[in-house]
Protein backbone atom coordinates (compact mmCIF):
# COMPACT_ATOMS: atom_id res chain seq x y z
CA MET A 1 111.04 117.99 133.62
CA THR A 2 113.04 119.73 130.89
CA VAL A 3 112.32 119.52 127.19
CA ASP A 4 115.48 117.49 126.65
CA ALA A 5 114.57 115.01 129.39
CA ALA A 6 111.00 114.71 128.09
CA TRP A 7 112.25 113.99 124.58
CA ARG A 8 114.57 111.26 125.90
CA PHE A 9 111.69 109.83 127.95
CA ALA A 10 109.45 109.63 124.89
CA ARG A 11 112.18 108.15 122.66
CA GLN A 12 112.57 105.22 125.02
CA ARG A 13 109.02 104.09 124.18
CA ILE A 14 108.32 105.17 120.61
CA ALA A 15 110.16 106.12 117.42
CA ARG A 16 112.40 109.19 117.57
CA LEU A 17 110.42 111.21 115.02
CA ASP A 18 107.10 110.34 116.63
CA ALA A 19 108.47 111.40 120.01
CA ARG A 20 109.62 114.74 118.62
CA LEU A 21 106.32 115.49 116.90
CA LEU A 22 104.28 114.66 119.98
CA LEU A 23 106.51 116.83 122.15
CA GLU A 24 106.13 119.69 119.68
CA GLN A 25 102.37 119.18 119.85
CA VAL A 26 102.33 119.37 123.63
CA MET A 27 104.71 122.32 123.81
CA VAL A 28 103.12 124.15 120.85
CA CYS A 29 106.54 124.75 119.34
CA THR A 30 108.76 123.88 116.39
CA HIS A 31 111.68 121.49 116.06
CA ALA A 32 113.99 124.51 116.12
CA ASP A 33 112.47 125.59 119.44
CA LEU A 34 113.19 122.18 120.96
CA ILE A 35 116.82 122.38 119.92
CA ALA A 36 117.25 126.01 120.93
CA HIS A 37 115.64 125.64 124.37
CA PRO A 38 116.46 122.16 125.72
CA THR A 39 116.20 123.31 129.36
CA ARG A 40 112.72 124.77 128.99
CA MET A 41 110.48 123.17 131.59
CA LEU A 42 107.28 121.23 131.03
CA CYS A 43 104.55 121.87 133.56
CA ALA A 44 102.82 118.90 135.19
CA ASP A 45 99.85 119.09 132.83
CA GLN A 46 102.09 119.14 129.76
CA PHE A 47 104.03 116.11 130.89
CA ALA A 48 100.83 114.23 131.74
CA ARG A 49 99.52 114.95 128.26
CA LEU A 50 102.80 113.85 126.67
CA ASP A 51 102.81 110.65 128.72
CA ALA A 52 99.26 109.85 127.59
CA LEU A 53 100.04 110.52 123.92
CA VAL A 54 103.20 108.42 124.03
CA SER A 55 101.27 105.55 125.62
CA ARG A 56 98.61 105.70 122.91
CA ARG A 57 101.27 105.74 120.19
CA ALA A 58 103.08 102.82 121.82
CA GLU A 59 99.80 100.88 121.67
CA GLY A 60 99.62 101.42 117.91
CA GLU A 61 97.27 104.39 117.55
CA PRO A 62 98.20 106.25 114.33
CA LEU A 63 100.29 109.35 114.77
CA ALA A 64 97.93 111.37 112.54
CA TYR A 65 95.07 110.92 115.00
CA LEU A 66 97.26 111.97 117.91
CA LEU A 67 98.41 115.08 116.05
CA GLY A 68 94.99 115.75 114.54
CA SER A 69 96.38 116.25 111.05
CA ALA A 70 98.09 114.59 108.10
CA GLU A 71 99.77 115.77 104.91
CA PHE A 72 98.37 115.09 101.47
CA TYR A 73 99.52 116.55 98.15
CA GLY A 74 101.64 119.11 100.00
CA LEU A 75 98.73 120.34 102.12
CA GLU A 76 97.90 119.81 105.78
CA PHE A 77 94.50 118.23 106.48
CA ALA A 78 92.62 117.81 109.72
CA VAL A 79 91.89 114.17 110.54
CA THR A 80 89.95 112.50 113.33
CA PRO A 81 89.06 108.87 114.04
CA ALA A 82 85.88 109.54 112.01
CA VAL A 83 87.89 109.53 108.76
CA LEU A 84 90.51 107.44 107.03
CA ILE A 85 94.05 108.79 107.23
CA PRO A 86 95.09 109.93 103.72
CA ARG A 87 97.75 107.77 102.05
CA PRO A 88 100.49 108.92 99.68
CA GLU A 89 99.37 106.42 97.02
CA THR A 90 96.04 108.26 96.72
CA GLU A 91 97.94 111.26 95.31
CA LEU A 92 98.10 109.26 92.06
CA LEU A 93 94.34 109.68 91.78
CA VAL A 94 94.74 113.47 91.97
CA ASP A 95 97.47 113.48 89.31
CA LEU A 96 95.33 111.43 86.92
CA ALA A 97 92.29 113.62 87.55
CA ILE A 98 94.20 116.83 86.85
CA GLU A 99 95.55 115.40 83.60
CA ARG A 100 92.00 114.73 82.42
CA LEU A 101 90.76 118.21 83.29
CA GLN A 102 93.51 120.22 81.62
CA SER A 103 91.31 121.17 78.66
CA SER A 104 88.27 122.08 80.79
CA SER A 105 87.98 125.45 82.54
CA CYS A 106 84.63 124.79 84.26
CA ALA A 107 84.50 121.06 84.90
CA ARG A 108 81.98 119.45 87.24
CA ILE A 109 83.76 117.05 89.63
CA LEU A 110 82.23 114.46 91.97
CA ASP A 111 84.09 112.83 94.86
CA LEU A 112 82.29 109.78 96.23
CA GLY A 113 83.03 108.71 99.80
CA THR A 114 84.99 111.89 100.47
CA GLY A 115 86.04 111.14 104.07
CA SER A 116 88.34 113.94 105.20
CA GLY A 117 87.81 115.63 101.84
CA VAL A 118 91.37 115.35 100.59
CA LEU A 119 90.38 114.55 97.01
CA ALA A 120 87.61 117.14 96.77
CA VAL A 121 89.59 119.91 98.44
CA THR A 122 92.82 119.22 96.55
CA LEU A 123 91.04 119.13 93.20
CA ALA A 124 89.17 122.32 94.05
CA ARG A 125 92.52 124.01 94.73
CA GLN A 126 94.19 122.62 91.65
CA CYS A 127 91.26 123.23 89.27
CA ARG A 128 90.06 126.66 90.32
CA GLY A 129 87.30 126.92 87.72
CA ALA A 130 85.76 123.59 88.62
CA SER A 131 82.54 122.94 90.51
CA VAL A 132 83.21 120.24 93.10
CA THR A 133 80.63 118.06 94.86
CA ALA A 134 81.52 115.52 97.56
CA VAL A 135 79.33 112.80 99.07
CA ASP A 136 79.73 110.72 102.22
CA LEU A 137 77.50 108.48 104.30
CA SER A 138 79.01 109.78 107.56
CA SER A 139 77.98 113.18 108.94
CA ALA A 140 81.06 113.12 111.19
CA ALA A 141 83.28 112.68 108.13
CA LEU A 142 81.54 115.55 106.33
CA ALA A 143 82.18 117.80 109.32
CA VAL A 144 85.92 117.07 109.02
CA ALA A 145 85.81 117.58 105.25
CA SER A 146 84.02 120.92 105.66
CA THR A 147 86.71 122.02 108.10
CA ASN A 148 89.37 121.17 105.54
CA ALA A 149 87.58 123.04 102.75
CA ALA A 150 87.44 126.13 104.96
CA ARG A 151 91.09 125.71 105.96
CA HIS A 152 92.17 125.74 102.32
CA ALA A 153 89.66 128.39 101.22
CA VAL A 154 87.83 126.35 98.59
CA GLU A 155 84.15 125.85 97.89
CA VAL A 156 82.89 122.28 97.85
CA SER A 157 79.26 121.18 97.97
CA PHE A 158 79.10 118.46 100.63
CA LEU A 159 76.15 116.06 100.55
CA LEU A 160 75.14 113.40 103.06
CA GLY A 161 74.06 110.11 101.55
CA HIS A 162 74.91 106.82 99.91
CA TRP A 163 76.97 107.16 96.74
CA TYR A 164 74.79 108.73 94.01
CA ALA A 165 71.55 108.94 96.03
CA PRO A 166 71.71 112.64 97.07
CA LEU A 167 72.72 113.99 93.64
CA GLY A 168 69.41 114.45 91.85
CA ASP A 169 69.87 114.51 88.08
CA ASN A 170 73.32 116.13 88.07
CA ARG A 171 75.99 114.80 85.72
CA PHE A 172 79.73 115.26 85.95
CA ASP A 173 82.84 115.54 83.80
CA LEU A 174 84.88 113.57 86.33
CA ILE A 175 83.99 111.16 89.11
CA VAL A 176 86.69 110.12 91.57
CA ALA A 177 86.41 107.68 94.44
CA ASN A 178 88.61 106.03 97.02
CA PRO A 179 85.98 103.69 98.45
CA PRO A 180 86.22 100.88 101.00
CA TYR A 181 87.87 98.00 99.14
CA VAL A 182 89.56 95.76 101.70
CA ALA A 183 88.05 92.27 101.79
CA HIS A 184 86.15 91.43 104.97
CA ALA A 185 88.57 88.73 106.12
CA ASP A 186 91.79 90.46 105.03
CA PRO A 187 94.34 90.04 107.87
CA HIS A 188 95.75 93.52 107.14
CA LEU A 189 92.70 94.96 108.93
CA GLN A 190 94.27 93.87 112.21
CA HIS A 191 97.65 95.53 111.68
CA ASN A 192 99.49 98.79 110.94
CA GLY A 193 97.06 101.00 112.82
CA LEU A 194 94.02 99.92 110.77
CA PRO A 195 92.04 98.78 113.85
CA PHE A 196 91.94 102.47 114.88
CA GLU A 197 90.53 103.70 111.58
CA PRO A 198 86.80 103.68 110.75
CA ARG A 199 85.91 100.21 109.53
CA MET A 200 83.24 101.56 107.16
CA ALA A 201 85.97 103.49 105.31
CA LEU A 202 88.13 100.39 104.88
CA THR A 203 85.78 97.52 104.04
CA ASP A 204 82.20 97.15 102.87
CA GLY A 205 81.55 94.85 105.82
CA VAL A 206 80.04 92.07 103.73
CA VAL A 207 80.82 88.83 105.56
CA GLY A 208 82.95 86.73 103.26
CA GLY A 209 82.98 89.58 100.74
CA ASP A 210 85.76 90.30 98.27
CA GLY A 211 85.95 94.02 99.00
CA LEU A 212 84.47 94.95 95.62
CA ALA A 213 80.89 95.72 96.64
CA CYS A 214 81.39 99.50 96.85
CA LEU A 215 83.37 99.55 93.62
CA ARG A 216 80.54 97.65 91.91
CA ALA A 217 78.02 100.24 93.09
CA ILE A 218 80.17 103.18 91.99
CA ILE A 219 81.08 101.74 88.60
CA GLY A 220 77.57 100.42 87.99
CA GLY A 221 76.04 103.86 88.50
CA ALA A 222 78.68 105.94 86.76
CA GLY A 223 77.22 105.76 83.25
CA ALA A 224 74.09 107.60 84.34
CA ARG A 225 76.12 110.28 86.15
CA LEU A 226 78.87 111.09 83.65
CA ARG A 227 78.59 113.66 80.90
CA PRO A 228 79.62 112.49 77.41
CA GLY A 229 83.40 112.19 77.43
CA GLY A 230 83.48 112.19 81.23
CA TRP A 231 85.93 110.06 83.21
CA LEU A 232 85.58 107.72 86.16
CA LEU A 233 88.73 107.10 88.23
CA VAL A 234 88.69 104.77 91.25
CA GLU A 235 91.32 103.64 93.71
CA HIS A 236 91.32 99.94 94.54
CA GLY A 237 93.26 97.18 96.25
CA TYR A 238 96.63 95.80 95.17
CA ASP A 239 95.06 92.71 93.58
CA GLN A 240 91.81 94.15 92.21
CA ALA A 241 92.86 95.95 89.00
CA ALA A 242 91.78 93.20 86.60
CA ALA A 243 88.39 92.82 88.27
CA VAL A 244 87.83 96.58 88.24
CA ARG A 245 88.75 96.87 84.55
CA GLN A 246 86.27 94.09 83.78
CA MET A 247 83.53 96.01 85.62
CA LEU A 248 84.42 99.19 83.72
CA ALA A 249 84.23 97.30 80.43
CA GLN A 250 80.83 95.84 81.34
CA GLN A 251 79.54 99.41 81.73
CA GLY A 252 80.73 100.30 78.24
CA LEU A 253 83.46 102.72 79.32
CA LEU A 254 86.34 103.33 76.91
CA GLU A 255 90.10 103.94 77.16
CA LEU A 256 90.26 101.54 80.08
CA ASP A 257 93.53 101.47 81.96
CA SER A 258 95.14 100.88 85.35
CA TRP A 259 97.95 103.00 86.73
CA CYS A 260 100.68 102.08 89.19
CA ASP A 261 101.59 103.91 92.37
CA LEU A 262 105.19 104.62 93.36
CA ALA A 263 105.51 101.07 94.70
CA GLY A 264 104.69 99.68 91.25
CA ILE A 265 101.26 98.43 92.36
CA GLU A 266 98.23 98.92 90.11
CA ARG A 267 96.35 101.32 92.37
CA VAL A 268 93.91 103.32 90.21
CA SER A 269 91.76 102.22 87.29
CA GLY A 270 89.41 104.18 85.11
CA GLY A 271 87.63 104.73 81.86
CA ARG A 272 85.79 107.32 79.78
CA LEU A 273 82.16 107.52 78.74
CA ASP A 274 81.72 107.77 74.99
């Protein structure tokens, strides 16, 4: 089968862009190559692989897992089913973090629940003088994050454990987190590819829970882990901003605020230790 015929075959079952990207993956080529060489032949193994990938995509498996990568903050990150696929709205968390580190040349940064490492690695690239530590409960996730740190030539200290547990007495100038915050019974968990993503990265798993358990743990422990003047910034659900601000206030943090993503949804909240 030719490249052109394979592309038409794939487009009959999945979106045009998805079909093109999967064909490029199988052929190890660029979009320009596909256009320039439409009569290039696929071998039997290549077509079988394309057919399998197209079937998986048609069944709802996220494209990022099929390609093995996703873009975040202009960088390409490896992703596997062991980690959450990075979302564009999380880039707001990076922007806010960078703003708060502009006056610090040697900040200590902590990323809780790092997953694929997008926050830790991006901040390490953007804040070259910073010391970055990242924690996750999943060893498989930390393996992906370590791969991404090596890919982008940054040093991050990756620690296995539950939130603050593996940190000793260390304190930080900035703590960032994009924790599980989807409520246990939220119907969104059954749609838009979410059934393929690691459940522990999406929801705290508390039956009947409101999705705030992880945020409570992070916010509740932040005061003992921040340096004076240090900031805590957390991503949360579309309807959780008020509850998160209340938790931040209960911990005595100052300059409390919530910031909207590009869709106008309050997506990140934070505060500063006095």
